[in-house]
Amino acid sequence: MKRETHAETDDLRREYDFDFSKGERGRYFERLIKDGANVAVIDPDLTKAFPNSAAVNAALRSLLEVARASTGLTGRSTRARKRAAG
């Protein structure tokens, strides 16, 4: 049985001749760590409202402020505690 070579089993076209042996491992790693990159993918229907990272950051900061301001506004009724204790 004849063994197939890589060229015979390759699904890519000839013009896509990638030579990964010339690649540099971790080329952008330091920059990503330094910049603190964190990627979030936004659904296409939201890109009109949030066209760039500044818009997303502003919306998230606003949401965080609302969440912090509203935390603890409602508490448990003291009436229920008095009944249970009495």
PDB file of N, CA and C in Angstrom:
ATOM      1  N   MET A   1       0.836  -1.165   0.000  1.00  0.00           N
ATOM      2  CA  MET A   1       0.000   0.000   0.000  1.00  0.00           C
ATOM      3  C   MET A   1       0.892   1.244   0.000  1.00  0.00           C
ATOM      4  N   LYS A   2       0.606   2.155  -0.900  1.00  0.00           N
ATOM      5  CA  LYS A   2       1.410   3.362  -1.033  1.00  0.00           C
ATOM      6  C   LYS A   2       0.958   4.415  -0.029  1.00  0.00           C
ATOM      7  N   ARG A   3       1.919   4.999   0.655  1.00  0.00           N
ATOM      8  CA  ARG A   3       1.632   6.032   1.641  1.00  0.00           C
ATOM      9  C   ARG A   3       1.426   7.368   0.929  1.00  0.00           C
ATOM     10  N   GLU A   4       0.370   8.111   1.333  1.00  0.00           N
ATOM     11  CA  GLU A   4       0.086   9.405   0.720  1.00  0.00           C
ATOM     12  C   GLU A   4       1.031  10.458   1.279  1.00  0.00           C
ATOM     13  N   THR A   5       1.463  11.337   0.408  1.00  0.00           N
ATOM     14  CA  THR A   5       2.318  12.433   0.866  1.00  0.00           C
ATOM     15  C   THR A   5       1.443  13.578   1.359  1.00  0.00           C
ATOM     16  N   HIS A   6       2.058  14.541   2.029  1.00  0.00           N
ATOM     17  CA  HIS A   6       1.334  15.687   2.565  1.00  0.00           C
ATOM     18  C   HIS A   6       0.642  16.470   1.445  1.00  0.00           C
ATOM     19  N   ALA A   7       1.277  16.609   0.313  1.00  0.00           N
ATOM     20  CA  ALA A   7       0.718  17.374  -0.807  1.00  0.00           C
ATOM     21  C   ALA A   7      -0.552  16.721  -1.334  1.00  0.00           C
ATOM     22  N   GLU A   8      -0.631  15.420  -1.269  1.00  0.00           N
ATOM     23  CA  GLU A   8      -1.812  14.726  -1.783  1.00  0.00           C
ATOM     24  C   GLU A   8      -2.999  14.835  -0.830  1.00  0.00           C
ATOM     25  N   THR A   9      -2.745  15.012   0.446  1.00  0.00           N
ATOM     26  CA  THR A   9      -3.829  15.079   1.425  1.00  0.00           C
ATOM     27  C   THR A   9      -4.167  16.498   1.839  1.00  0.00           C
ATOM     28  N   ASP A  10      -3.431  17.476   1.367  1.00  0.00           N
ATOM     29  CA  ASP A  10      -3.633  18.859   1.761  1.00  0.00           C
ATOM     30  C   ASP A  10      -4.915  19.405   1.137  1.00  0.00           C
ATOM     31  N   ASP A  11      -5.747  20.051   1.967  1.00  0.00           N
ATOM     32  CA  ASP A  11      -7.004  20.621   1.484  1.00  0.00           C
ATOM     33  C   ASP A  11      -6.846  22.045   0.961  1.00  0.00           C
ATOM     34  N   LEU A  12      -5.734  22.688   1.272  1.00  0.00           N
ATOM     35  CA  LEU A  12      -5.536  24.067   0.862  1.00  0.00           C
ATOM     36  C   LEU A  12      -5.073  24.156  -0.583  1.00  0.00           C
ATOM     37  N   ARG A  13      -5.358  25.274  -1.176  1.00  0.00           N
ATOM     38  CA  ARG A  13      -4.879  25.515  -2.530  1.00  0.00           C
ATOM     39  C   ARG A  13      -3.375  25.765  -2.511  1.00  0.00           C
ATOM     40  N   ARG A  14      -2.751  25.622  -3.646  1.00  0.00           N
ATOM     41  CA  ARG A  14      -1.302  25.814  -3.729  1.00  0.00           C
ATOM     42  C   ARG A  14      -0.869  27.231  -3.396  1.00  0.00           C
ATOM     43  N   GLU A  15      -1.732  28.237  -3.713  1.00  0.00           N
ATOM     44  CA  GLU A  15      -1.338  29.623  -3.438  1.00  0.00           C
ATOM     45  C   GLU A  15      -1.320  29.933  -1.936  1.00  0.00           C
ATOM     46  N   TYR A  16      -1.929  29.069  -1.148  1.00  0.00           N
ATOM     47  CA  TYR A  16      -1.878  29.226   0.309  1.00  0.00           C
ATOM     48  C   TYR A  16      -0.775  28.342   0.866  1.00  0.00           C
ATOM     49  N   ASP A  17       0.428  28.712   0.562  1.00  0.00           N
ATOM     50  CA  ASP A  17       1.574  27.921   0.985  1.00  0.00           C
ATOM     51  C   ASP A  17       2.117  28.517   2.282  1.00  0.00           C
ATOM     52  N   PHE A  18       1.592  28.054   3.398  1.00  0.00           N
ATOM     53  CA  PHE A  18       2.018  28.560   4.696  1.00  0.00           C
ATOM     54  C   PHE A  18       3.229  27.780   5.175  1.00  0.00           C
ATOM     55  N   ASP A  19       4.236  28.510   5.576  1.00  0.00           N
ATOM     56  CA  ASP A  19       5.431  27.876   6.118  1.00  0.00           C
ATOM     57  C   ASP A  19       5.539  28.288   7.581  1.00  0.00           C
ATOM     58  N   PHE A  20       4.972  27.468   8.450  1.00  0.00           N
ATOM     59  CA  PHE A  20       4.946  27.798   9.864  1.00  0.00           C
ATOM     60  C   PHE A  20       6.298  27.624  10.534  1.00  0.00           C
ATOM     61  N   SER A  21       7.251  27.068   9.831  1.00  0.00           N
ATOM     62  CA  SER A  21       8.575  26.922  10.426  1.00  0.00           C
ATOM     63  C   SER A  21       9.263  28.285  10.576  1.00  0.00           C
ATOM     64  N   LYS A  22       8.786  29.288   9.830  1.00  0.00           N
ATOM     65  CA  LYS A  22       9.362  30.630   9.917  1.00  0.00           C
ATOM     66  C   LYS A  22       8.654  31.481  10.963  1.00  0.00           C
ATOM     67  N   GLY A  23       7.614  30.928  11.581  1.00  0.00           N
ATOM     68  CA  GLY A  23       6.845  31.673  12.579  1.00  0.00           C
ATOM     69  C   GLY A  23       7.631  31.873  13.862  1.00  0.00           C
ATOM     70  N   GLU A  24       7.240  32.880  14.594  1.00  0.00           N
ATOM     71  CA  GLU A  24       7.902  33.196  15.855  1.00  0.00           C
ATOM     72  C   GLU A  24       6.897  32.978  16.979  1.00  0.00           C
ATOM     73  N   ARG A  25       7.170  32.025  17.833  1.00  0.00           N
ATOM     74  CA  ARG A  25       6.251  31.684  18.910  1.00  0.00           C
ATOM     75  C   ARG A  25       6.205  32.815  19.939  1.00  0.00           C
ATOM     76  N   GLY A  26       4.984  33.205  20.305  1.00  0.00           N
ATOM     77  CA  GLY A  26       4.801  34.229  21.319  1.00  0.00           C
ATOM     78  C   GLY A  26       5.203  35.616  20.872  1.00  0.00           C
ATOM     79  N   ARG A  27       5.108  35.894  19.594  1.00  0.00           N
ATOM     80  CA  ARG A  27       5.579  37.175  19.057  1.00  0.00           C
ATOM     81  C   ARG A  27       4.878  38.375  19.704  1.00  0.00           C
ATOM     82  N   TYR A  28       3.588  38.281  19.927  1.00  0.00           N
ATOM     83  CA  TYR A  28       2.819  39.398  20.467  1.00  0.00           C
ATOM     84  C   TYR A  28       2.451  39.199  21.933  1.00  0.00           C
ATOM     85  N   PHE A  29       2.984  38.175  22.559  1.00  0.00           N
ATOM     86  CA  PHE A  29       2.616  37.843  23.928  1.00  0.00           C
ATOM     87  C   PHE A  29       2.932  38.973  24.899  1.00  0.00           C
ATOM     88  N   GLU A  30       4.124  39.514  24.849  1.00  0.00           N
ATOM     89  CA  GLU A  30       4.516  40.577  25.776  1.00  0.00           C
ATOM     90  C   GLU A  30       3.620  41.805  25.626  1.00  0.00           C
ATOM     91  N   ARG A  31       3.288  42.151  24.394  1.00  0.00           N
ATOM     92  CA  ARG A  31       2.435  43.315  24.154  1.00  0.00           C
ATOM     93  C   ARG A  31       1.042  43.077  24.717  1.00  0.00           C
ATOM     94  N   LEU A  32       0.522  41.880  24.567  1.00  0.00           N
ATOM     95  CA  LEU A  32      -0.795  41.570  25.096  1.00  0.00           C
ATOM     96  C   LEU A  32      -0.805  41.630  26.619  1.00  0.00           C
ATOM     97  N   ILE A  33       0.237  41.119  27.241  1.00  0.00           N
ATOM     98  CA  ILE A  33       0.318  41.143  28.693  1.00  0.00           C
ATOM     99  C   ILE A  33       0.470  42.576  29.200  1.00  0.00           C
ATOM    100  N   LYS A  34       1.313  43.353  28.533  1.00  0.00           N
ATOM    101  CA  LYS A  34       1.566  44.733  28.952  1.00  0.00           C
ATOM    102  C   LYS A  34       0.307  45.589  28.812  1.00  0.00           C
ATOM    103  N   ASP A  35      -0.395  45.446  27.701  1.00  0.00           N
ATOM    104  CA  ASP A  35      -1.583  46.250  27.446  1.00  0.00           C
ATOM    105  C   ASP A  35      -2.795  45.741  28.204  1.00  0.00           C
ATOM    106  N   GLY A  36      -2.730  44.521  28.691  1.00  0.00           N
ATOM    107  CA  GLY A  36      -3.869  43.963  29.411  1.00  0.00           C
ATOM    108  C   GLY A  36      -5.043  43.705  28.489  1.00  0.00           C
ATOM    109  N   ALA A  37      -4.767  43.202  27.316  1.00  0.00           N
ATOM    110  CA  ALA A  37      -5.820  42.970  26.336  1.00  0.00           C
ATOM    111  C   ALA A  37      -6.814  41.940  26.846  1.00  0.00           C
ATOM    112  N   ASN A  38      -8.074  42.259  26.688  1.00  0.00           N
ATOM    113  CA  ASN A  38      -9.157  41.353  27.038  1.00  0.00           C
ATOM    114  C   ASN A  38     -10.188  41.501  25.931  1.00  0.00           C
ATOM    115  N   VAL A  39     -10.436  40.456  25.206  1.00  0.00           N
ATOM    116  CA  VAL A  39     -11.281  40.534  24.032  1.00  0.00           C
ATOM    117  C   VAL A  39     -12.656  39.975  24.349  1.00  0.00           C
ATOM    118  N   ALA A  40     -13.683  40.713  23.962  1.00  0.00           N
ATOM    119  CA  ALA A  40     -15.053  40.247  24.070  1.00  0.00           C
ATOM    120  C   ALA A  40     -15.693  40.415  22.696  1.00  0.00           C
ATOM    121  N   VAL A  41     -16.387  39.416  22.240  1.00  0.00           N
ATOM    122  CA  VAL A  41     -17.032  39.467  20.931  1.00  0.00           C
ATOM    123  C   VAL A  41     -18.461  39.950  21.116  1.00  0.00           C
ATOM    124  N   ILE A  42     -18.805  40.999  20.400  1.00  0.00           N
ATOM    125  CA  ILE A  42     -20.136  41.591  20.498  1.00  0.00           C
ATOM    126  C   ILE A  42     -20.991  41.063  19.348  1.00  0.00           C
ATOM    127  N   ASP A  43     -22.214  40.701  19.661  1.00  0.00           N
ATOM    128  CA  ASP A  43     -23.132  40.210  18.636  1.00  0.00           C
ATOM    129  C   ASP A  43     -23.405  41.297  17.608  1.00  0.00           C
ATOM    130  N   PRO A  44     -23.637  40.897  16.358  1.00  0.00           N
ATOM    131  CA  PRO A  44     -23.818  41.878  15.279  1.00  0.00           C
ATOM    132  C   PRO A  44     -24.952  42.871  15.526  1.00  0.00           C
ATOM    133  N   ASP A  45     -26.027  42.459  16.197  1.00  0.00           N
ATOM    134  CA  ASP A  45     -27.131  43.385  16.420  1.00  0.00           C
ATOM    135  C   ASP A  45     -26.782  44.484  17.435  1.00  0.00           C
ATOM    136  N   LEU A  46     -25.714  44.312  18.193  1.00  0.00           N
ATOM    137  CA  LEU A  46     -25.305  45.319  19.172  1.00  0.00           C
ATOM    138  C   LEU A  46     -24.244  46.281  18.640  1.00  0.00           C
ATOM    139  N   THR A  47     -23.672  45.978  17.492  1.00  0.00           N
ATOM    140  CA  THR A  47     -22.584  46.822  16.989  1.00  0.00           C
ATOM    141  C   THR A  47     -23.054  48.210  16.575  1.00  0.00           C
ATOM    142  N   LYS A  48     -24.337  48.373  16.286  1.00  0.00           N
ATOM    143  CA  LYS A  48     -24.839  49.710  15.967  1.00  0.00           C
ATOM    144  C   LYS A  48     -24.849  50.590  17.213  1.00  0.00           C
ATOM    145  N   ALA A  49     -25.200  50.011  18.345  1.00  0.00           N
ATOM    146  CA  ALA A  49     -25.237  50.769  19.593  1.00  0.00           C
ATOM    147  C   ALA A  49     -23.839  50.944  20.187  1.00  0.00           C
ATOM    148  N   PHE A  50     -22.973  49.952  19.963  1.00  0.00           N
ATOM    149  CA  PHE A  50     -21.622  49.979  20.531  1.00  0.00           C
ATOM    150  C   PHE A  50     -20.602  49.777  19.413  1.00  0.00           C
ATOM    151  N   PRO A  51     -20.291  50.828  18.657  1.00  0.00           N
ATOM    152  CA  PRO A  51     -19.428  50.670  17.484  1.00  0.00           C
ATOM    153  C   PRO A  51     -17.946  50.484  17.789  1.00  0.00           C
ATOM    154  N   ASN A  52     -17.511  50.817  19.019  1.00  0.00           N
ATOM    155  CA  ASN A  52     -16.089  50.697  19.346  1.00  0.00           C
ATOM    156  C   ASN A  52     -15.930  50.385  20.829  1.00  0.00           C
ATOM    157  N   SER A  53     -14.699  50.171  21.236  1.00  0.00           N
ATOM    158  CA  SER A  53     -14.451  49.790  22.625  1.00  0.00           C
ATOM    159  C   SER A  53     -14.778  50.918  23.601  1.00  0.00           C
ATOM    160  N   ALA A  54     -14.645  52.159  23.176  1.00  0.00           N
ATOM    161  CA  ALA A  54     -14.977  53.277  24.063  1.00  0.00           C
ATOM    162  C   ALA A  54     -16.465  53.272  24.412  1.00  0.00           C
ATOM    163  N   ALA A  55     -17.314  52.982  23.441  1.00  0.00           N
ATOM    164  CA  ALA A  55     -18.758  52.925  23.686  1.00  0.00           C
ATOM    165  C   ALA A  55     -19.109  51.766  24.618  1.00  0.00           C
ATOM    166  N   VAL A  56     -18.458  50.634  24.438  1.00  0.00           N
ATOM    167  CA  VAL A  56     -18.698  49.478  25.303  1.00  0.00           C
ATOM    168  C   VAL A  56     -18.247  49.792  26.720  1.00  0.00           C
ATOM    169  N   ASN A  57     -17.069  50.393  26.872  1.00  0.00           N
ATOM    170  CA  ASN A  57     -16.560  50.738  28.197  1.00  0.00           C
ATOM    171  C   ASN A  57     -17.470  51.736  28.910  1.00  0.00           C
ATOM    172  N   ALA A  58     -17.960  52.732  28.186  1.00  0.00           N
ATOM    173  CA  ALA A  58     -18.851  53.723  28.789  1.00  0.00           C
ATOM    174  C   ALA A  58     -20.145  53.066  29.272  1.00  0.00           C
ATOM    175  N   ALA A  59     -20.697  52.184  28.474  1.00  0.00           N
ATOM    176  CA  ALA A  59     -21.935  51.495  28.857  1.00  0.00           C
ATOM    177  C   ALA A  59     -21.714  50.590  30.063  1.00  0.00           C
ATOM    178  N   LEU A  60     -20.606  49.883  30.085  1.00  0.00           N
ATOM    179  CA  LEU A  60     -20.329  49.000  31.218  1.00  0.00           C
ATOM    180  C   LEU A  60     -20.077  49.789  32.493  1.00  0.00           C
ATOM    181  N   ARG A  61     -19.385  50.921  32.398  1.00  0.00           N
ATOM    182  CA  ARG A  61     -19.162  51.748  33.580  1.00  0.00           C
ATOM    183  C   ARG A  61     -20.478  52.311  34.118  1.00  0.00           C
ATOM    184  N   SER A  62     -21.349  52.724  33.209  1.00  0.00           N
ATOM    185  CA  SER A  62     -22.653  53.232  33.603  1.00  0.00           C
ATOM    186  C   SER A  62     -23.474  52.140  34.290  1.00  0.00           C
ATOM    187  N   LEU A  63     -23.453  50.956  33.741  1.00  0.00           N
ATOM    188  CA  LEU A  63     -24.175  49.833  34.331  1.00  0.00           C
ATOM    189  C   LEU A  63     -23.617  49.485  35.709  1.00  0.00           C
ATOM    190  N   LEU A  64     -22.322  49.549  35.848  1.00  0.00           N
ATOM    191  CA  LEU A  64     -21.682  49.264  37.134  1.00  0.00           C
ATOM    192  C   LEU A  64     -22.075  50.294  38.186  1.00  0.00           C
ATOM    193  N   GLU A  65     -22.150  51.569  37.788  1.00  0.00           N
ATOM    194  CA  GLU A  65     -22.579  52.610  38.724  1.00  0.00           C
ATOM    195  C   GLU A  65     -24.004  52.371  39.201  1.00  0.00           C
ATOM    196  N   VAL A  66     -24.889  52.027  38.281  1.00  0.00           N
ATOM    197  CA  VAL A  66     -26.282  51.760  38.641  1.00  0.00           C
ATOM    198  C   VAL A  66     -26.363  50.556  39.573  1.00  0.00           C
ATOM    199  N   ALA A  67     -25.609  49.519  39.273  1.00  0.00           N
ATOM    200  CA  ALA A  67     -25.629  48.322  40.107  1.00  0.00           C
ATOM    201  C   ALA A  67     -25.105  48.623  41.510  1.00  0.00           C
ATOM    202  N   ARG A  68     -24.049  49.403  41.609  1.00  0.00           N
ATOM    203  CA  ARG A  68     -23.503  49.750  42.930  1.00  0.00           C
ATOM    204  C   ARG A  68     -24.462  50.645  43.712  1.00  0.00           C
ATOM    205  N   ALA A  69     -25.106  51.573  43.024  1.00  0.00           N
ATOM    206  CA  ALA A  69     -26.024  52.492  43.697  1.00  0.00           C
ATOM    207  C   ALA A  69     -27.278  51.778  44.177  1.00  0.00           C
ATOM    208  N   SER A  70     -27.711  50.773  43.457  1.00  0.00           N
ATOM    209  CA  SER A  70     -28.954  50.098  43.819  1.00  0.00           C
ATOM    210  C   SER A  70     -28.745  48.946  44.792  1.00  0.00           C
ATOM    211  N   THR A  71     -27.530  48.554  45.045  1.00  0.00           N
ATOM    212  CA  THR A  71     -27.270  47.452  45.959  1.00  0.00           C
ATOM    213  C   THR A  71     -27.611  47.876  47.380  1.00  0.00           C
ATOM    214  N   GLY A  72     -28.416  47.080  48.037  1.00  0.00           N
ATOM    215  CA  GLY A  72     -28.754  47.330  49.421  1.00  0.00           C
ATOM    216  C   GLY A  72     -29.886  48.310  49.630  1.00  0.00           C
ATOM    217  N   LEU A  73     -30.539  48.781  48.577  1.00  0.00           N
ATOM    218  CA  LEU A  73     -31.649  49.708  48.745  1.00  0.00           C
ATOM    219  C   LEU A  73     -32.856  49.018  49.369  1.00  0.00           C
ATOM    220  N   THR A  74     -33.080  47.792  48.996  1.00  0.00           N
ATOM    221  CA  THR A  74     -34.202  47.062  49.571  1.00  0.00           C
ATOM    222  C   THR A  74     -33.671  46.053  50.557  1.00  0.00           C
ATOM    223  N   GLY A  75     -34.282  46.000  51.687  1.00  0.00           N
ATOM    224  CA  GLY A  75     -33.862  45.055  52.706  1.00  0.00           C
ATOM    225  C   GLY A  75     -35.048  44.209  53.132  1.00  0.00           C
ATOM    226  N   ARG A  76     -34.786  43.309  53.956  1.00  0.00           N
ATOM    227  CA  ARG A  76     -35.846  42.459  54.477  1.00  0.00           C
ATOM    228  C   ARG A  76     -36.687  43.242  55.456  1.00  0.00           C
ATOM    229  N   SER A  77     -37.929  43.001  55.451  1.00  0.00           N
ATOM    230  CA  SER A  77     -38.831  43.671  56.371  1.00  0.00           C
ATOM    231  C   SER A  77     -38.514  43.268  57.806  1.00  0.00           C
ATOM    232  N   THR A  78     -38.501  44.244  58.683  1.00  0.00           N
ATOM    233  CA  THR A  78     -38.253  43.922  60.100  1.00  0.00           C
ATOM    234  C   THR A  78     -39.505  43.349  60.740  1.00  0.00           C
ATOM    235  N   ARG A  79     -40.673  43.566  60.160  1.00  0.00           N
ATOM    236  CA  ARG A  79     -41.916  43.050  60.691  1.00  0.00           C
ATOM    237  C   ARG A  79     -41.904  41.525  60.739  1.00  0.00           C
ATOM    238  N   ALA A  80     -41.372  40.895  59.685  1.00  0.00           N
ATOM    239  CA  ALA A  80     -41.317  39.435  59.636  1.00  0.00           C
ATOM    240  C   ALA A  80     -40.397  38.886  60.721  1.00  0.00           C
ATOM    241  N   ARG A  81     -39.311  39.578  61.012  1.00  0.00           N
ATOM    242  CA  ARG A  81     -38.409  39.135  62.059  1.00  0.00           C
ATOM    243  C   ARG A  81     -39.030  39.256  63.451  1.00  0.00           C
ATOM    244  N   LYS A  82     -39.779  40.318  63.659  1.00  0.00           N
ATOM    245  CA  LYS A  82     -40.433  40.531  64.955  1.00  0.00           C
ATOM    246  C   LYS A  82     -41.476  39.451  65.233  1.00  0.00           C
ATOM    247  N   ARG A  83     -42.249  39.091  64.187  1.00  0.00           N
ATOM    248  CA  ARG A  83     -43.249  38.041  64.340  1.00  0.00           C
ATOM    249  C   ARG A  83     -42.612  36.705  64.669  1.00  0.00           C
ATOM    250  N   ALA A  84     -41.516  36.397  63.967  1.00  0.00           N
ATOM    251  CA  ALA A  84     -40.847  35.114  64.176  1.00  0.00           C
ATOM    252  C   ALA A  84     -40.221  35.032  65.574  1.00  0.00           C
ATOM    253  N   ALA A  85     -39.736  36.153  66.079  1.00  0.00           N
ATOM    254  CA  ALA A  85     -39.083  36.160  67.384  1.00  0.00           C
ATOM    255  C   ALA A  85     -40.110  36.193  68.514  1.00  0.00           C
ATOM    256  N   GLY A  86     -41.300  36.771  68.264  1.00  0.00           N
ATOM    257  CA  GLY A  86     -42.255  37.007  69.316  1.00  0.00           C
ATOM    258  C   GLY A  86     -43.143  35.902  69.626  1.00  0.00           C
TER     259      GLY A  86
END
